[in-house]
Protein backbone atom coordinates (compact mmCIF):
# COMPACT_ATOMS: atom_id res chain seq x y z
CA MET A 1 16.76 20.37 13.25
CA ASN A 2 16.43 17.11 15.13
CA LEU A 3 15.56 13.75 13.54
CA ARG A 4 11.88 13.97 14.67
CA SER A 5 11.56 17.31 12.93
CA ILE A 6 13.26 15.96 9.74
CA ALA A 7 10.93 12.96 9.79
CA ALA A 8 7.78 15.00 10.26
CA TYR A 9 8.75 17.26 7.42
CA ALA A 10 9.47 14.22 5.10
CA VAL A 11 6.18 12.65 5.99
CA SER A 12 4.24 15.87 5.36
CA ILE A 13 5.83 16.19 1.89
CA LEU A 14 5.18 12.57 1.11
CA LEU A 15 1.60 12.72 2.22
CA LEU A 16 1.01 15.71 -0.05
CA SER A 17 2.57 13.85 -3.02
CA ALA A 18 0.67 10.76 -2.20
CA CYS A 19 -2.55 12.64 -2.20
CA ALA A 20 -1.91 13.93 -5.65
CA SER A 21 -1.17 10.40 -6.76
CA VAL A 22 -4.22 8.81 -5.19
CA GLN A 23 -6.46 11.21 -7.39
CA GLN A 24 -5.50 8.86 -10.32
CA SER A 25 -8.49 6.57 -11.10
CA SER A 26 -6.64 3.37 -10.59
CA PRO A 27 -3.10 1.96 -10.44
CA SER A 28 -4.27 -1.02 -12.51
CA ALA A 29 -3.46 -1.46 -16.19
CA PRO A 30 -5.89 -2.84 -18.71
CA GLY A 31 -6.63 -6.50 -17.83
CA GLY A 32 -6.78 -5.87 -14.18
CA MET A 33 -3.09 -6.26 -13.46
CA PRO A 34 -0.99 -3.55 -11.82
CA PRO A 35 1.49 -1.69 -14.14
CA GLN A 36 5.24 -2.51 -13.90
CA SER A 37 6.97 0.53 -12.54
CA PRO A 38 9.83 1.73 -14.84
CA ARG A 39 12.01 1.59 -11.68
CA SER A 40 10.97 -2.06 -11.08
CA ASN A 41 13.71 -4.66 -10.72
CA GLN A 42 11.40 -7.42 -9.40
CA PRO A 43 8.61 -8.85 -11.59
CA LEU A 44 5.05 -9.57 -10.53
CA ASN A 45 5.15 -12.97 -8.86
CA ALA A 46 2.46 -15.67 -8.88
CA SER A 47 0.94 -14.36 -5.62
CA GLY A 48 0.21 -10.95 -7.35
CA CYS A 49 2.75 -9.02 -5.18
CA TYR A 50 5.98 -7.33 -6.14
CA GLY A 51 8.44 -4.77 -4.92
CA THR A 52 11.36 -2.80 -6.22
CA PHE A 53 14.78 -2.22 -4.68
CA GLY A 54 14.20 -4.57 -1.76
CA VAL A 55 10.95 -2.94 -0.60
CA GLU A 56 8.19 -5.43 0.18
CA ALA A 57 4.88 -5.77 1.87
CA VAL A 58 4.20 -8.40 4.51
CA PRO A 59 1.86 -10.22 4.30
CA CYS A 60 1.10 -10.38 0.65
CA PRO A 61 -1.26 -11.20 -0.92
CA VAL A 62 -3.81 -9.89 1.58
CA ARG A 63 -6.93 -12.04 1.98
CA LEU A 64 -9.76 -10.48 3.92
CA ARG A 65 -11.98 -13.11 5.39
CA LYS A 66 -14.45 -13.63 8.21
CA SER A 67 -11.97 -15.59 10.21
CA ASP A 68 -9.60 -12.62 10.60
CA GLY A 69 -12.50 -10.21 11.11
CA GLY A 70 -12.07 -8.80 7.63
CA SER A 71 -8.97 -6.77 8.66
CA VAL A 72 -5.21 -7.43 8.12
CA THR A 73 -2.23 -5.29 9.13
CA VAL A 74 0.48 -4.89 6.30
CA SER A 75 4.01 -3.85 7.11
CA ILE A 76 6.20 -2.21 4.49
CA THR A 77 9.79 -3.39 4.92
CA GLY A 78 13.20 -3.01 3.15
CA PRO A 79 16.61 -1.73 3.40
CA GLN A 80 16.58 1.64 5.46
CA VAL A 81 12.73 1.90 5.28
CA VAL A 82 11.50 3.91 8.24
CA PHE A 83 8.33 5.51 6.62
CA ALA A 84 5.87 4.49 4.04
CA ALA A 85 3.05 6.07 2.13
CA ILE A 86 0.26 4.97 -0.08
CA ILE A 87 0.86 6.17 -3.62
CA GLY A 88 -1.97 4.27 -5.45
CA SER A 89 -5.11 2.35 -4.34
CA ASP A 90 -8.25 0.78 -5.61
CA CYS A 91 -9.49 0.73 -2.04
CA ALA A 92 -11.25 4.02 -2.10
CA GLY A 93 -14.84 5.19 -2.63
CA PRO A 94 -18.26 3.64 -2.47
CA GLY A 95 -18.46 0.03 -3.49
CA SER A 96 -14.75 -0.44 -3.33
CA VAL A 97 -13.22 -3.87 -2.48
CA CYS A 98 -11.52 -2.56 0.65
CA ASN A 99 -10.34 0.30 2.75
CA VAL A 100 -6.84 1.20 3.71
CA GLN A 101 -5.44 3.43 6.42
CA GLY A 102 -2.08 4.24 7.86
CA SER A 103 -1.22 3.36 11.48
CA THR A 104 -0.98 6.18 13.99
CA SER A 105 1.69 4.27 15.90
CA ASN A 106 3.91 2.89 13.26
CA PRO A 107 4.76 4.73 10.02
CA THR A 108 5.48 1.45 8.07
CA GLN A 109 2.10 -0.26 8.95
CA PHE A 110 -1.16 -0.03 7.39
CA ARG A 111 -4.61 -1.58 8.05
CA ILE A 112 -6.46 -3.02 5.13
CA TRP A 113 -10.09 -3.97 5.92
CA ALA A 114 -13.54 -4.69 4.49
CA VAL A 115 -17.05 -4.24 5.91
CA LYS A 116 -19.48 -6.96 5.06
CA GLY A 117 -22.28 -5.38 3.03
CA SER A 118 -20.31 -2.18 2.41
CA ASN A 119 -17.33 -3.47 0.47
CA ALA A 120 -17.67 -5.49 -2.78
CA CYS A 121 -16.07 -8.85 -3.02
CA GLY A 122 -13.21 -9.11 -5.48
CA THR A 123 -9.51 -8.08 -6.03
CA ALA A 124 -7.80 -4.66 -5.63
CA TRP A 125 -4.35 -3.26 -5.58
CA VAL A 126 -2.45 -0.89 -3.13
CA VAL A 127 0.86 0.60 -4.03
CA PHE A 128 3.16 1.79 -1.26
CA VAL A 129 6.42 3.73 -1.34
CA GLY A 130 9.15 2.92 1.19
CA ILE A 131 11.16 6.02 2.47
CA SER A 132 14.43 6.40 4.38
CA ALA A 133 15.01 8.54 7.30
CA THR A 134 16.36 11.30 5.07
CA GLY A 135 13.15 11.33 3.03
CA THR A 136 14.55 9.41 0.03
CA GLU A 137 12.28 7.19 -1.81
CA ILE A 138 13.73 3.67 -1.72
CA GLY A 139 11.33 1.66 -3.66
CA THR A 140 7.69 0.52 -3.97
CA ALA A 141 5.62 -2.47 -2.89
CA THR A 142 2.52 -3.56 -4.65
CA VAL A 143 -0.03 -5.47 -2.66
CA LYS A 144 -2.88 -7.64 -4.08
CA VAL A 145 -5.92 -7.46 -1.88
CA ILE A 146 -8.56 -10.20 -2.25
CA ASN A 147 -11.84 -9.54 -0.27
CA LYS A 148 -13.71 -12.78 0.47
CA LEU A 149 -15.83 -11.19 3.17
CA CYS A 150 -19.16 -11.15 1.32
């Protein structure tokens, strides 16, 4: 098997597991704050962002505004991270604060956007997992999304 086949296999497995995780109602704990992962070694910081095992999201927090067209590209970075997947999101369904979609050209980038009149103003959370070339989960990155495009 070549590296491309292994990567495709790892991504397909992760997408299946991510779909099962996204079915949960929300990654937020009571009080509107995201839960601390049991594997977390980095506390929630003042900006509302955190990562585990060196995995982080850039930029964070994400602010959706008219000046940026209501769209921001987020990159998931960290040691040996070559893939990323969404494992939890408040950005789904009618009236949600935002939308999120993976890039077709870069497996570590995601577009987070809002549509004026369709998405509600407020705050949401998106949780990503960083994955190595061998399919090993390295850590997670939690992104605070603030929609000001009202």
